[in-house]
Amino acid sequence: MKLIITGRTPSKKNSRINTRSGRSFPSKKYQEWHNEATWQIMKHRPIVPIKKAEMTITIFFPDLRRSDLSNKAESIMDLLVDNRFIEDDNHEVVPKLTLISGGIDRKEPRCEINIDIIA
């Protein structure tokens, strides 16, 4: 299964708002990305969450701004769990995760997710 999410993928860890009381929640920008990405992938959602799969995530950036691939992958994995594509993002469900920087694509920044189900 191949999923494509258009736009810049935010880093979930770096997109948090901290309050004076010590609480933390995702930023409005992250929430907007999460909602838009959900709409982009929902037509491919399996009937039941995938129990075991290997994944390759390729991220194409819109510019030369420094980015942390692992933080972006965390955003993508959380999106897949939240939308019931995969049961969980732990090592038993996703024993192999490959992250690739696809380079710069100024016209079409995106992430491409290849999911290979393991029987």
N, C-alpha and C. Protein backbone atom coordinates (compact mmCIF):
# COMPACT_ATOMS: atom_id res chain seq x y z
N MET A 1 0.85 -1.16 0.00
CA MET A 1 0.00 0.00 0.00
C MET A 1 0.90 1.23 0.00
N LYS A 2 0.55 2.21 -0.81
CA LYS A 2 1.32 3.45 -0.86
C LYS A 2 0.40 4.62 -0.54
N LEU A 3 0.84 5.44 0.41
CA LEU A 3 0.11 6.65 0.79
C LEU A 3 0.97 7.86 0.48
N ILE A 4 0.34 8.92 0.02
CA ILE A 4 1.03 10.18 -0.22
C ILE A 4 0.29 11.28 0.54
N ILE A 5 1.05 12.01 1.34
CA ILE A 5 0.49 13.14 2.08
C ILE A 5 1.21 14.39 1.59
N THR A 6 0.46 15.30 0.98
CA THR A 6 1.06 16.50 0.41
C THR A 6 1.29 17.55 1.48
N GLY A 7 2.23 18.44 1.21
CA GLY A 7 2.55 19.52 2.13
C GLY A 7 3.74 19.19 3.01
N ARG A 8 4.16 20.17 3.79
CA ARG A 8 5.28 19.99 4.72
C ARG A 8 4.82 19.20 5.93
N THR A 9 5.54 18.16 6.26
CA THR A 9 5.24 17.35 7.44
C THR A 9 5.86 18.02 8.66
N PRO A 10 5.05 18.37 9.65
CA PRO A 10 5.61 19.01 10.84
C PRO A 10 6.21 17.99 11.80
N SER A 11 7.09 18.45 12.65
CA SER A 11 7.62 17.63 13.72
C SER A 11 6.69 17.77 14.91
N LYS A 12 6.11 16.68 15.34
CA LYS A 12 5.16 16.73 16.44
C LYS A 12 5.81 17.25 17.72
N LYS A 13 7.02 16.77 17.99
CA LYS A 13 7.71 17.15 19.22
C LYS A 13 7.99 18.66 19.26
N ASN A 14 8.30 19.25 18.13
CA ASN A 14 8.64 20.67 18.08
C ASN A 14 7.42 21.55 17.80
N SER A 15 6.24 20.96 17.73
CA SER A 15 5.01 21.71 17.45
C SER A 15 4.07 21.71 18.65
N ARG A 16 4.61 21.70 19.83
CA ARG A 16 3.79 21.67 21.04
C ARG A 16 3.74 23.04 21.69
N ILE A 17 2.60 23.33 22.30
CA ILE A 17 2.40 24.55 23.05
C ILE A 17 2.42 24.17 24.53
N ASN A 18 3.25 24.82 25.31
CA ASN A 18 3.33 24.57 26.74
C ASN A 18 2.63 25.69 27.49
N THR A 19 1.82 25.31 28.47
CA THR A 19 1.09 26.30 29.27
C THR A 19 1.82 26.55 30.58
N ARG A 20 1.41 27.59 31.27
CA ARG A 20 2.01 27.91 32.57
C ARG A 20 1.78 26.81 33.60
N SER A 21 0.68 26.11 33.45
CA SER A 21 0.35 25.05 34.41
C SER A 21 1.17 23.78 34.16
N GLY A 22 1.98 23.78 33.11
CA GLY A 22 2.80 22.62 32.81
C GLY A 22 2.19 21.67 31.79
N ARG A 23 0.98 21.95 31.37
CA ARG A 23 0.34 21.10 30.36
C ARG A 23 0.90 21.42 28.99
N SER A 24 0.81 20.45 28.11
CA SER A 24 1.33 20.60 26.76
C SER A 24 0.30 20.05 25.77
N PHE A 25 0.14 20.72 24.65
CA PHE A 25 -0.78 20.23 23.63
C PHE A 25 -0.25 20.62 22.25
N PRO A 26 -0.71 19.89 21.20
CA PRO A 26 -0.22 20.19 19.84
C PRO A 26 -0.63 21.59 19.39
N SER A 27 0.23 22.20 18.59
CA SER A 27 -0.06 23.54 18.07
C SER A 27 -1.20 23.49 17.06
N LYS A 28 -1.76 24.66 16.79
CA LYS A 28 -2.84 24.77 15.80
C LYS A 28 -2.32 24.32 14.42
N LYS A 29 -1.09 24.69 14.10
CA LYS A 29 -0.50 24.31 12.81
C LYS A 29 -0.39 22.79 12.69
N TYR A 30 0.04 22.14 13.77
CA TYR A 30 0.14 20.67 13.74
C TYR A 30 -1.25 20.05 13.60
N GLN A 31 -2.23 20.55 14.35
CA GLN A 31 -3.59 20.02 14.27
C GLN A 31 -4.16 20.17 12.87
N GLU A 32 -3.90 21.32 12.22
CA GLU A 32 -4.38 21.53 10.85
C GLU A 32 -3.76 20.51 9.90
N TRP A 33 -2.43 20.26 10.06
CA TRP A 33 -1.76 19.26 9.22
C TRP A 33 -2.38 17.88 9.47
N HIS A 34 -2.58 17.52 10.73
CA HIS A 34 -3.13 16.22 11.08
C HIS A 34 -4.52 16.03 10.46
N ASN A 35 -5.36 17.05 10.54
CA ASN A 35 -6.71 16.97 9.96
C ASN A 35 -6.66 16.85 8.45
N GLU A 36 -5.83 17.66 7.79
CA GLU A 36 -5.71 17.60 6.33
C GLU A 36 -5.13 16.26 5.88
N ALA A 37 -4.11 15.79 6.57
CA ALA A 37 -3.50 14.50 6.21
C ALA A 37 -4.49 13.36 6.38
N THR A 38 -5.33 13.46 7.41
CA THR A 38 -6.36 12.43 7.62
C THR A 38 -7.27 12.33 6.41
N TRP A 39 -7.72 13.48 5.89
CA TRP A 39 -8.58 13.48 4.71
C TRP A 39 -7.86 12.87 3.50
N GLN A 40 -6.56 13.13 3.38
CA GLN A 40 -5.81 12.63 2.23
C GLN A 40 -5.66 11.11 2.24
N ILE A 41 -5.59 10.50 3.41
CA ILE A 41 -5.31 9.06 3.47
C ILE A 41 -6.53 8.19 3.74
N MET A 42 -7.64 8.76 4.15
CA MET A 42 -8.78 7.96 4.61
C MET A 42 -9.34 7.01 3.55
N LYS A 43 -9.25 7.35 2.29
CA LYS A 43 -9.82 6.45 1.28
C LYS A 43 -9.02 5.15 1.15
N HIS A 44 -7.82 5.12 1.74
CA HIS A 44 -6.99 3.92 1.68
C HIS A 44 -7.01 3.11 2.97
N ARG A 45 -7.75 3.56 3.96
CA ARG A 45 -7.73 2.93 5.28
C ARG A 45 -8.24 1.50 5.21
N PRO A 46 -7.51 0.57 5.81
CA PRO A 46 -7.98 -0.83 5.84
C PRO A 46 -9.20 -0.98 6.75
N ILE A 47 -9.94 -2.04 6.55
CA ILE A 47 -11.13 -2.29 7.36
C ILE A 47 -10.75 -2.50 8.82
N VAL A 48 -9.70 -3.26 9.05
CA VAL A 48 -9.17 -3.45 10.41
C VAL A 48 -7.71 -2.98 10.41
N PRO A 49 -7.23 -2.48 11.53
CA PRO A 49 -5.83 -2.01 11.56
C PRO A 49 -4.85 -3.13 11.24
N ILE A 50 -3.78 -2.76 10.58
CA ILE A 50 -2.73 -3.71 10.22
C ILE A 50 -2.01 -4.15 11.49
N LYS A 51 -1.80 -5.45 11.63
CA LYS A 51 -1.19 -6.01 12.84
C LYS A 51 0.33 -6.11 12.75
N LYS A 52 0.87 -6.19 11.53
CA LYS A 52 2.32 -6.27 11.38
C LYS A 52 2.70 -5.82 9.97
N ALA A 53 3.66 -4.88 9.89
CA ALA A 53 4.06 -4.34 8.59
C ALA A 53 5.45 -3.73 8.65
N GLU A 54 6.10 -3.74 7.51
CA GLU A 54 7.36 -3.00 7.34
C GLU A 54 7.01 -1.73 6.58
N MET A 55 7.70 -0.63 6.92
CA MET A 55 7.37 0.65 6.31
C MET A 55 8.61 1.38 5.82
N THR A 56 8.41 2.11 4.74
CA THR A 56 9.42 3.04 4.24
C THR A 56 8.74 4.39 4.11
N ILE A 57 9.33 5.40 4.75
CA ILE A 57 8.80 6.77 4.67
C ILE A 57 9.83 7.63 3.96
N THR A 58 9.42 8.24 2.86
CA THR A 58 10.28 9.15 2.10
C THR A 58 9.69 10.55 2.20
N ILE A 59 10.50 11.50 2.64
CA ILE A 59 10.03 12.87 2.83
C ILE A 59 10.72 13.79 1.83
N PHE A 60 9.91 14.56 1.10
CA PHE A 60 10.39 15.55 0.16
C PHE A 60 10.12 16.92 0.77
N PHE A 61 11.16 17.69 0.96
CA PHE A 61 11.09 18.98 1.64
C PHE A 61 10.86 20.12 0.65
N PRO A 62 10.18 21.21 1.06
CA PRO A 62 9.93 22.33 0.16
C PRO A 62 11.11 23.30 0.06
N ASP A 63 12.08 23.18 0.98
CA ASP A 63 13.19 24.12 0.99
C ASP A 63 14.39 23.49 1.70
N LEU A 64 15.44 24.27 1.88
CA LEU A 64 16.67 23.77 2.48
C LEU A 64 16.71 23.89 4.00
N ARG A 65 15.59 24.26 4.61
CA ARG A 65 15.52 24.40 6.07
C ARG A 65 15.91 23.07 6.73
N ARG A 66 16.71 23.16 7.79
CA ARG A 66 17.13 21.95 8.50
C ARG A 66 15.91 21.26 9.12
N SER A 67 15.86 19.95 8.96
CA SER A 67 14.72 19.18 9.48
C SER A 67 15.20 17.88 10.10
N ASP A 68 14.49 17.45 11.11
CA ASP A 68 14.79 16.21 11.81
C ASP A 68 13.87 15.11 11.29
N LEU A 69 14.42 14.15 10.57
CA LEU A 69 13.61 13.08 9.98
C LEU A 69 12.87 12.26 11.03
N SER A 70 13.53 11.96 12.13
CA SER A 70 12.89 11.09 13.13
C SER A 70 11.67 11.77 13.77
N ASN A 71 11.73 13.07 13.99
CA ASN A 71 10.56 13.78 14.53
C ASN A 71 9.41 13.80 13.53
N LYS A 72 9.72 13.96 12.26
CA LYS A 72 8.69 13.95 11.23
C LYS A 72 8.08 12.55 11.11
N ALA A 73 8.92 11.53 11.22
CA ALA A 73 8.42 10.15 11.18
C ALA A 73 7.47 9.88 12.34
N GLU A 74 7.76 10.44 13.50
CA GLU A 74 6.89 10.28 14.66
C GLU A 74 5.51 10.88 14.38
N SER A 75 5.47 12.03 13.72
CA SER A 75 4.19 12.63 13.35
C SER A 75 3.40 11.72 12.41
N ILE A 76 4.09 11.15 11.45
CA ILE A 76 3.45 10.28 10.46
C ILE A 76 2.95 8.99 11.13
N MET A 77 3.78 8.39 11.97
CA MET A 77 3.39 7.15 12.64
C MET A 77 2.18 7.40 13.56
N ASP A 78 2.18 8.51 14.28
CA ASP A 78 1.04 8.84 15.14
C ASP A 78 -0.23 9.04 14.31
N LEU A 79 -0.09 9.65 13.15
CA LEU A 79 -1.23 9.83 12.24
C LEU A 79 -1.80 8.47 11.83
N LEU A 80 -0.92 7.52 11.51
CA LEU A 80 -1.38 6.19 11.08
C LEU A 80 -2.06 5.44 12.22
N VAL A 81 -1.57 5.59 13.43
CA VAL A 81 -2.20 4.95 14.59
C VAL A 81 -3.54 5.62 14.88
N ASP A 82 -3.57 6.95 14.90
CA ASP A 82 -4.80 7.68 15.20
C ASP A 82 -5.92 7.34 14.21
N ASN A 83 -5.56 7.06 12.97
CA ASN A 83 -6.56 6.77 11.94
C ASN A 83 -6.73 5.28 11.68
N ARG A 84 -6.21 4.45 12.58
CA ARG A 84 -6.40 3.00 12.57
C ARG A 84 -5.87 2.31 11.32
N PHE A 85 -4.76 2.82 10.77
CA PHE A 85 -4.09 2.11 9.69
C PHE A 85 -3.27 0.96 10.29
N ILE A 86 -2.60 1.25 11.40
CA ILE A 86 -1.82 0.25 12.11
C ILE A 86 -2.28 0.20 13.56
N GLU A 87 -2.14 -0.98 14.18
CA GLU A 87 -2.57 -1.13 15.57
C GLU A 87 -1.79 -0.23 16.52
N ASP A 88 -0.49 -0.15 16.30
CA ASP A 88 0.39 0.62 17.18
C ASP A 88 1.65 0.92 16.38
N ASP A 89 2.50 1.79 16.92
CA ASP A 89 3.75 2.08 16.21
C ASP A 89 4.95 1.49 16.96
N ASN A 90 4.71 0.43 17.76
CA ASN A 90 5.81 -0.19 18.47
C ASN A 90 6.57 -1.17 17.57
N HIS A 91 7.66 -1.71 18.08
CA HIS A 91 8.53 -2.57 17.28
C HIS A 91 7.93 -3.92 16.92
N GLU A 92 6.89 -4.33 17.62
CA GLU A 92 6.25 -5.60 17.27
C GLU A 92 5.32 -5.44 16.07
N VAL A 93 4.67 -4.30 15.97
CA VAL A 93 3.76 -4.04 14.84
C VAL A 93 4.55 -3.57 13.62
N VAL A 94 5.53 -2.70 13.84
CA VAL A 94 6.38 -2.20 12.76
C VAL A 94 7.83 -2.57 13.09
N PRO A 95 8.23 -3.82 12.77
CA PRO A 95 9.58 -4.26 13.12
C PRO A 95 10.68 -3.61 12.27
N LYS A 96 10.30 -3.07 11.12
CA LYS A 96 11.30 -2.41 10.26
C LYS A 96 10.70 -1.11 9.72
N LEU A 97 11.39 -0.01 10.02
CA LEU A 97 10.98 1.31 9.54
C LEU A 97 12.18 1.97 8.90
N THR A 98 12.06 2.31 7.63
CA THR A 98 13.13 2.95 6.90
C THR A 98 12.74 4.40 6.61
N LEU A 99 13.60 5.34 7.00
CA LEU A 99 13.37 6.76 6.75
C LEU A 99 14.32 7.23 5.67
N ILE A 100 13.78 7.95 4.69
CA ILE A 100 14.59 8.44 3.58
C ILE A 100 14.29 9.91 3.36
N SER A 101 15.35 10.70 3.21
CA SER A 101 15.17 12.08 2.78
C SER A 101 15.15 12.06 1.26
N GLY A 102 14.00 12.38 0.70
CA GLY A 102 13.86 12.34 -0.75
C GLY A 102 14.44 13.56 -1.43
N GLY A 103 14.90 14.51 -0.63
CA GLY A 103 15.47 15.72 -1.20
C GLY A 103 14.48 16.86 -1.18
N ILE A 104 14.71 17.78 -2.10
CA ILE A 104 13.90 19.00 -2.19
C ILE A 104 12.94 18.90 -3.36
N ASP A 105 11.69 19.22 -3.12
CA ASP A 105 10.71 19.35 -4.19
C ASP A 105 9.89 20.59 -3.85
N ARG A 106 10.32 21.73 -4.37
CA ARG A 106 9.70 23.01 -4.04
C ARG A 106 8.24 23.09 -4.47
N LYS A 107 7.89 22.42 -5.56
CA LYS A 107 6.52 22.49 -6.07
C LYS A 107 5.57 21.53 -5.37
N GLU A 108 6.08 20.36 -4.96
CA GLU A 108 5.21 19.36 -4.35
C GLU A 108 5.86 18.71 -3.13
N PRO A 109 6.04 19.47 -2.03
CA PRO A 109 6.57 18.82 -0.82
C PRO A 109 5.55 17.78 -0.35
N ARG A 110 6.07 16.65 0.15
CA ARG A 110 5.16 15.57 0.53
C ARG A 110 5.92 14.49 1.30
N CYS A 111 5.16 13.56 1.80
CA CYS A 111 5.78 12.34 2.31
C CYS A 111 5.07 11.17 1.62
N GLU A 112 5.87 10.18 1.30
CA GLU A 112 5.35 8.96 0.67
C GLU A 112 5.59 7.82 1.64
N ILE A 113 4.55 7.07 1.92
CA ILE A 113 4.62 5.98 2.88
C ILE A 113 4.30 4.67 2.16
N ASN A 114 5.25 3.76 2.16
CA ASN A 114 5.04 2.43 1.61
C ASN A 114 4.86 1.47 2.77
N ILE A 115 3.73 0.76 2.79
CA ILE A 115 3.42 -0.18 3.85
C ILE A 115 3.37 -1.57 3.24
N ASP A 116 4.25 -2.45 3.68
CA ASP A 116 4.26 -3.84 3.24
C ASP A 116 3.78 -4.70 4.40
N ILE A 117 2.60 -5.27 4.23
CA ILE A 117 1.99 -6.08 5.28
C ILE A 117 2.72 -7.40 5.40
N ILE A 118 3.01 -7.79 6.64
CA ILE A 118 3.66 -9.07 6.92
C ILE A 118 2.59 -10.02 7.42
N ALA A 119 2.51 -11.18 6.79
CA ALA A 119 1.48 -12.17 7.18
C ALA A 119 1.82 -12.88 8.46
